[in-house]
Amino acid sequence: MSDYDVANLGFKPDQAEEYEKEATLQINEVVPAYVFYATQDHCANAIKKFINDDLIEGESVLAEAHILGVRSELYPILPLLHHAKSTGEEKRSDVMKNVCT
């Protein structure tokens, strides 16, 4: 799964199946996280952690991967995805529209 503002530029189902074999919970460590794989049980446990654990350390919000204790190797697929970000000139929705058209 991914955030709503992520466009798939070439990540294929067979690649996803290979990642599923490696671990039942994977998340990109890039802050903020925008792509992840989790079983139903891991989703339930992740929700519990976000509700019960500290999300802030000092003055910084902790990264999702840090909170969940996950060190995934999703870097090979990140170039196959585009995570839209706002710029000074464009809103995120416009960036996403330009990627998709």
PDB file of N, CA and C in Angstrom:
ATOM      1  N   MET A   1       0.846  -1.170   0.000  1.00  0.00           N
ATOM      2  CA  MET A   1       0.000   0.000   0.000  1.00  0.00           C
ATOM      3  C   MET A   1       0.889   1.230   0.000  1.00  0.00           C
ATOM      4  N   SER A   2       0.303   2.330  -0.395  1.00  0.00           N
ATOM      5  CA  SER A   2       1.053   3.575  -0.394  1.00  0.00           C
ATOM      6  C   SER A   2       0.127   4.729  -0.041  1.00  0.00           C
ATOM      7  N   ASP A   3       0.726   5.874   0.228  1.00  0.00           N
ATOM      8  CA  ASP A   3      -0.051   7.087   0.453  1.00  0.00           C
ATOM      9  C   ASP A   3      -0.798   7.447  -0.833  1.00  0.00           C
ATOM     10  N   TYR A   4      -1.786   8.294  -0.686  1.00  0.00           N
ATOM     11  CA  TYR A   4      -2.587   8.724  -1.840  1.00  0.00           C
ATOM     12  C   TYR A   4      -1.768   9.524  -2.842  1.00  0.00           C
ATOM     13  N   ASP A   5      -0.677  10.115  -2.407  1.00  0.00           N
ATOM     14  CA  ASP A   5       0.108  10.985  -3.282  1.00  0.00           C
ATOM     15  C   ASP A   5       1.349  10.288  -3.846  1.00  0.00           C
ATOM     16  N   VAL A   6       1.231   8.975  -4.057  1.00  0.00           N
ATOM     17  CA  VAL A   6       2.323   8.194  -4.638  1.00  0.00           C
ATOM     18  C   VAL A   6       1.861   7.623  -5.966  1.00  0.00           C
ATOM     19  N   ALA A   7       2.659   7.858  -7.001  1.00  0.00           N
ATOM     20  CA  ALA A   7       2.363   7.315  -8.331  1.00  0.00           C
ATOM     21  C   ALA A   7       3.304   6.149  -8.611  1.00  0.00           C
ATOM     22  N   ASN A   8       2.746   5.065  -9.143  1.00  0.00           N
ATOM     23  CA  ASN A   8       3.534   3.897  -9.504  1.00  0.00           C
ATOM     24  C   ASN A   8       4.116   4.123 -10.891  1.00  0.00           C
ATOM     25  N   LEU A   9       5.439   4.150 -10.965  1.00  0.00           N
ATOM     26  CA  LEU A   9       6.125   4.374 -12.236  1.00  0.00           C
ATOM     27  C   LEU A   9       6.736   3.100 -12.799  1.00  0.00           C
ATOM     28  N   GLY A  10       6.410   1.952 -12.202  1.00  0.00           N
ATOM     29  CA  GLY A  10       6.963   0.705 -12.727  1.00  0.00           C
ATOM     30  C   GLY A  10       7.117  -0.416 -11.720  1.00  0.00           C
ATOM     31  N   PHE A  11       6.614  -0.262 -10.525  1.00  0.00           N
ATOM     32  CA  PHE A  11       6.677  -1.322  -9.519  1.00  0.00           C
ATOM     33  C   PHE A  11       5.653  -2.392  -9.883  1.00  0.00           C
ATOM     34  N   LYS A  12       6.122  -3.620 -10.092  1.00  0.00           N
ATOM     35  CA  LYS A  12       5.287  -4.706 -10.621  1.00  0.00           C
ATOM     36  C   LYS A  12       4.857  -5.683  -9.524  1.00  0.00           C
ATOM     37  N   PRO A  13       3.740  -6.371  -9.745  1.00  0.00           N
ATOM     38  CA  PRO A  13       3.253  -7.349  -8.759  1.00  0.00           C
ATOM     39  C   PRO A  13       4.276  -8.425  -8.407  1.00  0.00           C
ATOM     40  N   ASP A  14       5.077  -8.879  -9.380  1.00  0.00           N
ATOM     41  CA  ASP A  14       6.060  -9.915  -9.066  1.00  0.00           C
ATOM     42  C   ASP A  14       7.143  -9.385  -8.122  1.00  0.00           C
ATOM     43  N   GLN A  15       7.468  -8.108  -8.228  1.00  0.00           N
ATOM     44  CA  GLN A  15       8.420  -7.512  -7.290  1.00  0.00           C
ATOM     45  C   GLN A  15       7.810  -7.468  -5.883  1.00  0.00           C
ATOM     46  N   ALA A  16       6.543  -7.129  -5.797  1.00  0.00           N
ATOM     47  CA  ALA A  16       5.849  -7.090  -4.507  1.00  0.00           C
ATOM     48  C   ALA A  16       5.849  -8.471  -3.864  1.00  0.00           C
ATOM     49  N   GLU A  17       5.625  -9.496  -4.667  1.00  0.00           N
ATOM     50  CA  GLU A  17       5.608 -10.859  -4.132  1.00  0.00           C
ATOM     51  C   GLU A  17       6.967 -11.250  -3.561  1.00  0.00           C
ATOM     52  N   GLU A  18       8.037 -10.782  -4.172  1.00  0.00           N
ATOM     53  CA  GLU A  18       9.377 -11.070  -3.642  1.00  0.00           C
ATOM     54  C   GLU A  18       9.571 -10.405  -2.279  1.00  0.00           C
ATOM     55  N   TYR A  19       9.095  -9.180  -2.128  1.00  0.00           N
ATOM     56  CA  TYR A  19       9.205  -8.500  -0.836  1.00  0.00           C
ATOM     57  C   TYR A  19       8.365  -9.198   0.224  1.00  0.00           C
ATOM     58  N   GLU A  20       7.207  -9.710  -0.167  1.00  0.00           N
ATOM     59  CA  GLU A  20       6.343 -10.424   0.782  1.00  0.00           C
ATOM     60  C   GLU A  20       7.050 -11.644   1.368  1.00  0.00           C
ATOM     61  N   LYS A  21       7.907 -12.278   0.581  1.00  0.00           N
ATOM     62  CA  LYS A  21       8.639 -13.457   1.047  1.00  0.00           C
ATOM     63  C   LYS A  21       9.679 -13.098   2.108  1.00  0.00           C
ATOM     64  N   GLU A  22      10.189 -11.871   2.068  1.00  0.00           N
ATOM     65  CA  GLU A  22      11.277 -11.458   2.954  1.00  0.00           C
ATOM     66  C   GLU A  22      10.817 -11.103   4.363  1.00  0.00           C
ATOM     67  N   ALA A  23       9.652 -10.464   4.502  1.00  0.00           N
ATOM     68  CA  ALA A  23       9.204 -10.023   5.822  1.00  0.00           C
ATOM     69  C   ALA A  23       7.715  -9.715   5.777  1.00  0.00           C
ATOM     70  N   THR A  24       7.073  -9.816   6.926  1.00  0.00           N
ATOM     71  CA  THR A  24       5.635  -9.550   6.982  1.00  0.00           C
ATOM     72  C   THR A  24       5.314  -8.097   7.301  1.00  0.00           C
ATOM     73  N   LEU A  25       6.343  -7.296   7.577  1.00  0.00           N
ATOM     74  CA  LEU A  25       6.150  -5.862   7.778  1.00  0.00           C
ATOM     75  C   LEU A  25       7.333  -5.134   7.179  1.00  0.00           C
ATOM     76  N   GLN A  26       7.063  -4.274   6.221  1.00  0.00           N
ATOM     77  CA  GLN A  26       8.117  -3.497   5.580  1.00  0.00           C
ATOM     78  C   GLN A  26       7.596  -2.085   5.373  1.00  0.00           C
ATOM     79  N   ILE A  27       8.486  -1.119   5.544  1.00  0.00           N
ATOM     80  CA  ILE A  27       8.122   0.278   5.386  1.00  0.00           C
ATOM     81  C   ILE A  27       9.357   1.036   4.940  1.00  0.00           C
ATOM     82  N   ASN A  28       9.185   2.007   4.054  1.00  0.00           N
ATOM     83  CA  ASN A  28      10.367   2.770   3.675  1.00  0.00           C
ATOM     84  C   ASN A  28      10.804   3.636   4.846  1.00  0.00           C
ATOM     85  N   GLU A  29      12.112   3.781   5.000  1.00  0.00           N
ATOM     86  CA  GLU A  29      12.644   4.548   6.126  1.00  0.00           C
ATOM     87  C   GLU A  29      12.748   6.029   5.817  1.00  0.00           C
ATOM     88  N   VAL A  30      12.436   6.413   4.597  1.00  0.00           N
ATOM     89  CA  VAL A  30      12.465   7.822   4.224  1.00  0.00           C
ATOM     90  C   VAL A  30      11.377   8.531   5.012  1.00  0.00           C
ATOM     91  N   VAL A  31      11.703   9.676   5.557  1.00  0.00           N
ATOM     92  CA  VAL A  31      10.722  10.428   6.349  1.00  0.00           C
ATOM     93  C   VAL A  31      10.029  11.411   5.431  1.00  0.00           C
ATOM     94  N   PRO A  32       8.735  11.446   5.332  1.00  0.00           N
ATOM     95  CA  PRO A  32       7.823  10.498   5.965  1.00  0.00           C
ATOM     96  C   PRO A  32       7.707   9.216   5.139  1.00  0.00           C
ATOM     97  N   ALA A  33       7.309   8.141   5.776  1.00  0.00           N
ATOM     98  CA  ALA A  33       7.110   6.876   5.075  1.00  0.00           C
ATOM     99  C   ALA A  33       5.950   7.031   4.106  1.00  0.00           C
ATOM    100  N   TYR A  34       6.041   6.395   2.949  1.00  0.00           N
ATOM    101  CA  TYR A  34       4.955   6.500   1.993  1.00  0.00           C
ATOM    102  C   TYR A  34       4.628   5.194   1.285  1.00  0.00           C
ATOM    103  N   VAL A  35       5.353   4.127   1.564  1.00  0.00           N
ATOM    104  CA  VAL A  35       5.021   2.829   0.994  1.00  0.00           C
ATOM    105  C   VAL A  35       5.301   1.761   2.053  1.00  0.00           C
ATOM    106  N   PHE A  36       4.382   0.784   2.141  1.00  0.00           N
ATOM    107  CA  PHE A  36       4.567  -0.249   3.147  1.00  0.00           C
ATOM    108  C   PHE A  36       3.862  -1.530   2.737  1.00  0.00           C
ATOM    109  N   TYR A  37       4.274  -2.613   3.356  1.00  0.00           N
ATOM    110  CA  TYR A  37       3.619  -3.909   3.222  1.00  0.00           C
ATOM    111  C   TYR A  37       3.427  -4.440   4.625  1.00  0.00           C
ATOM    112  N   ALA A  38       2.241  -4.932   4.942  1.00  0.00           N
ATOM    113  CA  ALA A  38       1.994  -5.502   6.264  1.00  0.00           C
ATOM    114  C   ALA A  38       0.873  -6.519   6.186  1.00  0.00           C
ATOM    115  N   THR A  39       1.000  -7.567   6.992  1.00  0.00           N
ATOM    116  CA  THR A  39      -0.101  -8.515   7.120  1.00  0.00           C
ATOM    117  C   THR A  39      -1.187  -7.860   7.977  1.00  0.00           C
ATOM    118  N   GLN A  40      -2.345  -8.465   8.025  1.00  0.00           N
ATOM    119  CA  GLN A  40      -3.444  -7.923   8.819  1.00  0.00           C
ATOM    120  C   GLN A  40      -3.047  -7.818  10.292  1.00  0.00           C
ATOM    121  N   ASP A  41      -2.374  -8.838  10.808  1.00  0.00           N
ATOM    122  CA  ASP A  41      -1.935  -8.802  12.206  1.00  0.00           C
ATOM    123  C   ASP A  41      -0.961  -7.655  12.470  1.00  0.00           C
ATOM    124  N   HIS A  42      -0.017  -7.453  11.541  1.00  0.00           N
ATOM    125  CA  HIS A  42       0.929  -6.361  11.724  1.00  0.00           C
ATOM    126  C   HIS A  42       0.232  -5.010  11.657  1.00  0.00           C
ATOM    127  N   CYS A  43      -0.770  -4.870  10.820  1.00  0.00           N
ATOM    128  CA  CYS A  43      -1.519  -3.608  10.768  1.00  0.00           C
ATOM    129  C   CYS A  43      -2.170  -3.325  12.112  1.00  0.00           C
ATOM    130  N   ALA A  44      -2.791  -4.333  12.690  1.00  0.00           N
ATOM    131  CA  ALA A  44      -3.437  -4.156  13.994  1.00  0.00           C
ATOM    132  C   ALA A  44      -2.407  -3.782  15.055  1.00  0.00           C
ATOM    133  N   ASN A  45      -1.263  -4.447  15.049  1.00  0.00           N
ATOM    134  CA  ASN A  45      -0.214  -4.138  16.019  1.00  0.00           C
ATOM    135  C   ASN A  45       0.369  -2.748  15.797  1.00  0.00           C
ATOM    136  N   ALA A  46       0.517  -2.345  14.532  1.00  0.00           N
ATOM    137  CA  ALA A  46       1.040  -1.007  14.239  1.00  0.00           C
ATOM    138  C   ALA A  46       0.093   0.062  14.761  1.00  0.00           C
ATOM    139  N   ILE A  47      -1.195  -0.127  14.559  1.00  0.00           N
ATOM    140  CA  ILE A  47      -2.173   0.837  15.063  1.00  0.00           C
ATOM    141  C   ILE A  47      -2.061   0.951  16.579  1.00  0.00           C
ATOM    142  N   LYS A  48      -1.917  -0.175  17.261  1.00  0.00           N
ATOM    143  CA  LYS A  48      -1.765  -0.158  18.724  1.00  0.00           C
ATOM    144  C   LYS A  48      -0.513   0.619  19.139  1.00  0.00           C
ATOM    145  N   LYS A  49       0.593   0.397  18.413  1.00  0.00           N
ATOM    146  CA  LYS A  49       1.830   1.115  18.745  1.00  0.00           C
ATOM    147  C   LYS A  49       1.662   2.611  18.574  1.00  0.00           C
ATOM    148  N   PHE A  50       1.006   3.028  17.476  1.00  0.00           N
ATOM    149  CA  PHE A  50       0.817   4.457  17.241  1.00  0.00           C
ATOM    150  C   PHE A  50      -0.089   5.082  18.305  1.00  0.00           C
ATOM    151  N   ILE A  51      -1.009   4.302  18.836  1.00  0.00           N
ATOM    152  CA  ILE A  51      -1.897   4.804  19.884  1.00  0.00           C
ATOM    153  C   ILE A  51      -1.189   4.834  21.239  1.00  0.00           C
ATOM    154  N   ASN A  52      -0.414   3.803  21.545  1.00  0.00           N
ATOM    155  CA  ASN A  52       0.145   3.646  22.889  1.00  0.00           C
ATOM    156  C   ASN A  52       1.558   4.186  23.085  1.00  0.00           C
ATOM    157  N   ASP A  53       2.383   4.203  22.061  1.00  0.00           N
ATOM    158  CA  ASP A  53       3.788   4.580  22.217  1.00  0.00           C
ATOM    159  C   ASP A  53       3.991   6.078  22.009  1.00  0.00           C
ATOM    160  N   ASP A  54       5.144   6.563  22.467  1.00  0.00           N
ATOM    161  CA  ASP A  54       5.509   7.962  22.233  1.00  0.00           C
ATOM    162  C   ASP A  54       5.820   8.158  20.754  1.00  0.00           C
ATOM    163  N   LEU A  55       5.312   9.238  20.199  1.00  0.00           N
ATOM    164  CA  LEU A  55       5.542   9.553  18.789  1.00  0.00           C
ATOM    165  C   LEU A  55       6.512  10.714  18.625  1.00  0.00           C
ATOM    166  N   ILE A  56       6.863  11.339  19.742  1.00  0.00           N
ATOM    167  CA  ILE A  56       7.738  12.506  19.711  1.00  0.00           C
ATOM    168  C   ILE A  56       8.921  12.253  20.632  1.00  0.00           C
ATOM    169  N   GLU A  57      10.094  12.630  20.152  1.00  0.00           N
ATOM    170  CA  GLU A  57      11.313  12.550  20.957  1.00  0.00           C
ATOM    171  C   GLU A  57      11.937  13.939  20.959  1.00  0.00           C
ATOM    172  N   GLY A  58      12.003  14.550  22.128  1.00  0.00           N
ATOM    173  CA  GLY A  58      12.473  15.936  22.193  1.00  0.00           C
ATOM    174  C   GLY A  58      11.474  16.828  21.489  1.00  0.00           C
ATOM    175  N   GLU A  59      11.922  17.492  20.443  1.00  0.00           N
ATOM    176  CA  GLU A  59      11.045  18.363  19.662  1.00  0.00           C
ATOM    177  C   GLU A  59      10.738  17.779  18.285  1.00  0.00           C
ATOM    178  N   SER A  60      11.127  16.532  18.044  1.00  0.00           N
ATOM    179  CA  SER A  60      10.965  15.918  16.727  1.00  0.00           C
ATOM    180  C   SER A  60       9.935  14.793  16.755  1.00  0.00           C
ATOM    181  N   VAL A  61       9.154  14.713  15.685  1.00  0.00           N
ATOM    182  CA  VAL A  61       8.239  13.593  15.504  1.00  0.00           C
ATOM    183  C   VAL A  61       9.069  12.422  14.981  1.00  0.00           C
ATOM    184  N   LEU A  62       8.913  11.264  15.589  1.00  0.00           N
ATOM    185  CA  LEU A  62       9.663  10.078  15.178  1.00  0.00           C
ATOM    186  C   LEU A  62       9.149   9.551  13.840  1.00  0.00           C
ATOM    187  N   ALA A  63      10.047   8.988  13.061  1.00  0.00           N
ATOM    188  CA  ALA A  63       9.675   8.366  11.791  1.00  0.00           C
ATOM    189  C   ALA A  63       8.886   7.094  12.067  1.00  0.00           C
ATOM    190  N   GLU A  64       7.957   6.783  11.177  1.00  0.00           N
ATOM    191  CA  GLU A  64       7.133   5.589  11.322  1.00  0.00           C
ATOM    192  C   GLU A  64       7.979   4.338  11.472  1.00  0.00           C
ATOM    193  N   ALA A  65       9.019   4.211  10.648  1.00  0.00           N
ATOM    194  CA  ALA A  65       9.886   3.030  10.708  1.00  0.00           C
ATOM    195  C   ALA A  65      10.549   2.912  12.078  1.00  0.00           C
ATOM    196  N   HIS A  66      10.917   4.028  12.664  1.00  0.00           N
ATOM    197  CA  HIS A  66      11.531   4.021  13.999  1.00  0.00           C
ATOM    198  C   HIS A  66      10.525   3.561  15.049  1.00  0.00           C
ATOM    199  N   ILE A  67       9.324   4.087  14.993  1.00  0.00           N
ATOM    200  CA  ILE A  67       8.274   3.722  15.952  1.00  0.00           C
ATOM    201  C   ILE A  67       7.987   2.230  15.881  1.00  0.00           C
ATOM    202  N   LEU A  68       7.921   1.701  14.663  1.00  0.00           N
ATOM    203  CA  LEU A  68       7.584   0.298  14.463  1.00  0.00           C
ATOM    204  C   LEU A  68       8.792  -0.630  14.585  1.00  0.00           C
ATOM    205  N   GLY A  69       9.997  -0.067  14.665  1.00  0.00           N
ATOM    206  CA  GLY A  69      11.198  -0.883  14.788  1.00  0.00           C
ATOM    207  C   GLY A  69      11.505  -1.674  13.529  1.00  0.00           C
ATOM    208  N   VAL A  70      11.263  -1.078  12.375  1.00  0.00           N
ATOM    209  CA  VAL A  70      11.449  -1.769  11.101  1.00  0.00           C
ATOM    210  C   VAL A  70      12.642  -1.175  10.356  1.00  0.00           C
ATOM    211  N   ARG A  71      13.506  -2.045   9.843  1.00  0.00           N
ATOM    212  CA  ARG A  71      14.634  -1.619   9.011  1.00  0.00           C
ATOM    213  C   ARG A  71      14.522  -2.349   7.684  1.00  0.00           C
ATOM    214  N   SER A  72      13.702  -1.826   6.806  1.00  0.00           N
ATOM    215  CA  SER A  72      13.440  -2.478   5.519  1.00  0.00           C
ATOM    216  C   SER A  72      14.436  -2.031   4.464  1.00  0.00           C
ATOM    217  N   GLU A  73      14.601  -2.867   3.473  1.00  0.00           N
ATOM    218  CA  GLU A  73      15.452  -2.551   2.335  1.00  0.00           C
ATOM    219  C   GLU A  73      14.563  -2.306   1.115  1.00  0.00           C
ATOM    220  N   LEU A  74      13.759  -1.279   1.174  1.00  0.00           N
ATOM    221  CA  LEU A  74      12.867  -0.968   0.057  1.00  0.00           C
ATOM    222  C   LEU A  74      13.508  -0.004  -0.939  1.00  0.00           C
ATOM    223  N   TYR A  75      14.754   0.397  -0.688  1.00  0.00           N
ATOM    224  CA  TYR A  75      15.389   1.377  -1.555  1.00  0.00           C
ATOM    225  C   TYR A  75      15.423   0.988  -3.024  1.00  0.00           C
ATOM    226  N   PRO A  76      15.569  -0.298  -3.375  1.00  0.00           N
ATOM    227  CA  PRO A  76      15.571  -0.640  -4.804  1.00  0.00           C
ATOM    228  C   PRO A  76      14.265  -0.300  -5.529  1.00  0.00           C
ATOM    229  N   ILE A  77      13.149  -0.251  -4.810  1.00  0.00           N
ATOM    230  CA  ILE A  77      11.885   0.045  -5.497  1.00  0.00           C
ATOM    231  C   ILE A  77      11.501   1.520  -5.447  1.00  0.00           C
ATOM    232  N   LEU A  78      12.155   2.296  -4.574  1.00  0.00           N
ATOM    233  CA  LEU A  78      11.758   3.697  -4.441  1.00  0.00           C
ATOM    234  C   LEU A  78      11.862   4.483  -5.751  1.00  0.00           C
ATOM    235  N   PRO A  79      12.857   4.205  -6.619  1.00  0.00           N
ATOM    236  CA  PRO A  79      12.882   4.916  -7.904  1.00  0.00           C
ATOM    237  C   PRO A  79      11.695   4.551  -8.815  1.00  0.00           C
ATOM    238  N   LEU A  80      11.006   3.458  -8.502  1.00  0.00           N
ATOM    239  CA  LEU A  80       9.855   3.041  -9.304  1.00  0.00           C
ATOM    240  C   LEU A  80       8.565   3.705  -8.826  1.00  0.00           C
ATOM    241  N   LEU A  81       8.679   4.551  -7.810  1.00  0.00           N
ATOM    242  CA  LEU A  81       7.527   5.253  -7.251  1.00  0.00           C
ATOM    243  C   LEU A  81       7.837   6.744  -7.229  1.00  0.00           C
ATOM    244  N   HIS A  82       6.797   7.554  -7.323  1.00  0.00           N
ATOM    245  CA  HIS A  82       6.993   8.999  -7.210  1.00  0.00           C
ATOM    246  C   HIS A  82       6.119   9.514  -6.083  1.00  0.00           C
ATOM    247  N   HIS A  83       6.754  10.067  -5.049  1.00  0.00           N
ATOM    248  CA  HIS A  83       6.035  10.637  -3.915  1.00  0.00           C
ATOM    249  C   HIS A  83       5.929  12.136  -4.151  1.00  0.00           C
ATOM    250  N   ALA A  84       4.734  12.588  -4.484  1.00  0.00           N
ATOM    251  CA  ALA A  84       4.524  13.994  -4.815  1.00  0.00           C
ATOM    252  C   ALA A  84       4.713  14.868  -3.586  1.00  0.00           C
ATOM    253  N   LYS A  85       5.425  15.954  -3.771  1.00  0.00           N
ATOM    254  CA  LYS A  85       5.632  16.927  -2.696  1.00  0.00           C
ATOM    255  C   LYS A  85       5.326  18.316  -3.240  1.00  0.00           C
ATOM    256  N   SER A  86       4.769  19.149  -2.400  1.00  0.00           N
ATOM    257  CA  SER A  86       4.504  20.531  -2.794  1.00  0.00           C
ATOM    258  C   SER A  86       5.826  21.249  -3.027  1.00  0.00           C
ATOM    259  N   THR A  87       5.780  22.188  -3.935  1.00  0.00           N
ATOM    260  CA  THR A  87       6.937  23.065  -4.158  1.00  0.00           C
ATOM    261  C   THR A  87       6.472  24.489  -3.904  1.00  0.00           C
ATOM    262  N   GLY A  88       7.374  25.415  -3.980  1.00  0.00           N
ATOM    263  CA  GLY A  88       6.997  26.815  -3.813  1.00  0.00           C
ATOM    264  C   GLY A  88       6.033  27.286  -4.876  1.00  0.00           C
ATOM    265  N   GLU A  89       6.081  26.649  -6.040  1.00  0.00           N
ATOM    266  CA  GLU A  89       5.246  27.067  -7.158  1.00  0.00           C
ATOM    267  C   GLU A  89       3.997  26.208  -7.351  1.00  0.00           C
ATOM    268  N   GLU A  90       4.050  24.939  -6.907  1.00  0.00           N
ATOM    269  CA  GLU A  90       2.939  24.014  -7.165  1.00  0.00           C
ATOM    270  C   GLU A  90       2.428  23.351  -5.899  1.00  0.00           C
ATOM    271  N   LYS A  91       1.094  23.197  -5.837  1.00  0.00           N
ATOM    272  CA  LYS A  91       0.492  22.415  -4.761  1.00  0.00           C
ATOM    273  C   LYS A  91       0.760  20.935  -5.035  1.00  0.00           C
ATOM    274  N   ARG A  92       0.697  20.128  -3.994  1.00  0.00           N
ATOM    275  CA  ARG A  92       0.935  18.693  -4.137  1.00  0.00           C
ATOM    276  C   ARG A  92      -0.031  18.075  -5.148  1.00  0.00           C
ATOM    277  N   SER A  93      -1.293  18.502  -5.135  1.00  0.00           N
ATOM    278  CA  SER A  93      -2.269  17.944  -6.075  1.00  0.00           C
ATOM    279  C   SER A  93      -1.886  18.252  -7.517  1.00  0.00           C
ATOM    280  N   ASP A  94      -1.318  19.421  -7.763  1.00  0.00           N
ATOM    281  CA  ASP A  94      -0.873  19.762  -9.119  1.00  0.00           C
ATOM    282  C   ASP A  94       0.357  18.952  -9.518  1.00  0.00           C
ATOM    283  N   VAL A  95       1.271  18.734  -8.577  1.00  0.00           N
ATOM    284  CA  VAL A  95       2.445  17.900  -8.856  1.00  0.00           C
ATOM    285  C   VAL A  95       1.990  16.504  -9.232  1.00  0.00           C
ATOM    286  N   MET A  96       1.040  15.951  -8.452  1.00  0.00           N
ATOM    287  CA  MET A  96       0.535  14.610  -8.719  1.00  0.00           C
ATOM    288  C   MET A  96      -0.164  14.551 -10.077  1.00  0.00           C
ATOM    289  N   LYS A  97      -0.957  15.558 -10.395  1.00  0.00           N
ATOM    290  CA  LYS A  97      -1.653  15.593 -11.679  1.00  0.00           C
ATOM    291  C   LYS A  97      -0.652  15.591 -12.827  1.00  0.00           C
ATOM    292  N   ASN A  98       0.430  16.344 -12.708  1.00  0.00           N
ATOM    293  CA  ASN A  98       1.438  16.409 -13.757  1.00  0.00           C
ATOM    294  C   ASN A  98       2.170  15.077 -13.931  1.00  0.00           C
ATOM    295  N   VAL A  99       2.366  14.346 -12.855  1.00  0.00           N
ATOM    296  CA  VAL A  99       3.018  13.027 -12.930  1.00  0.00           C
ATOM    297  C   VAL A  99       2.112  12.042 -13.656  1.00  0.00           C
ATOM    298  N   CYS A 100       0.816  12.143 -13.397  1.00  0.00           N
ATOM    299  CA  CYS A 100      -0.139  11.159 -13.920  1.00  0.00           C
ATOM    300  C   CYS A 100      -0.650  11.475 -15.320  1.00  0.00           C
ATOM    301  N   THR A 101      -0.355  12.649 -15.827  1.00  0.00           N
ATOM    302  CA  THR A 101      -0.862  12.994 -17.176  1.00  0.00           C
ATOM    303  C   THR A 101       0.261  13.211 -18.154  1.00  0.00           C
TER     304      THR A 101
END
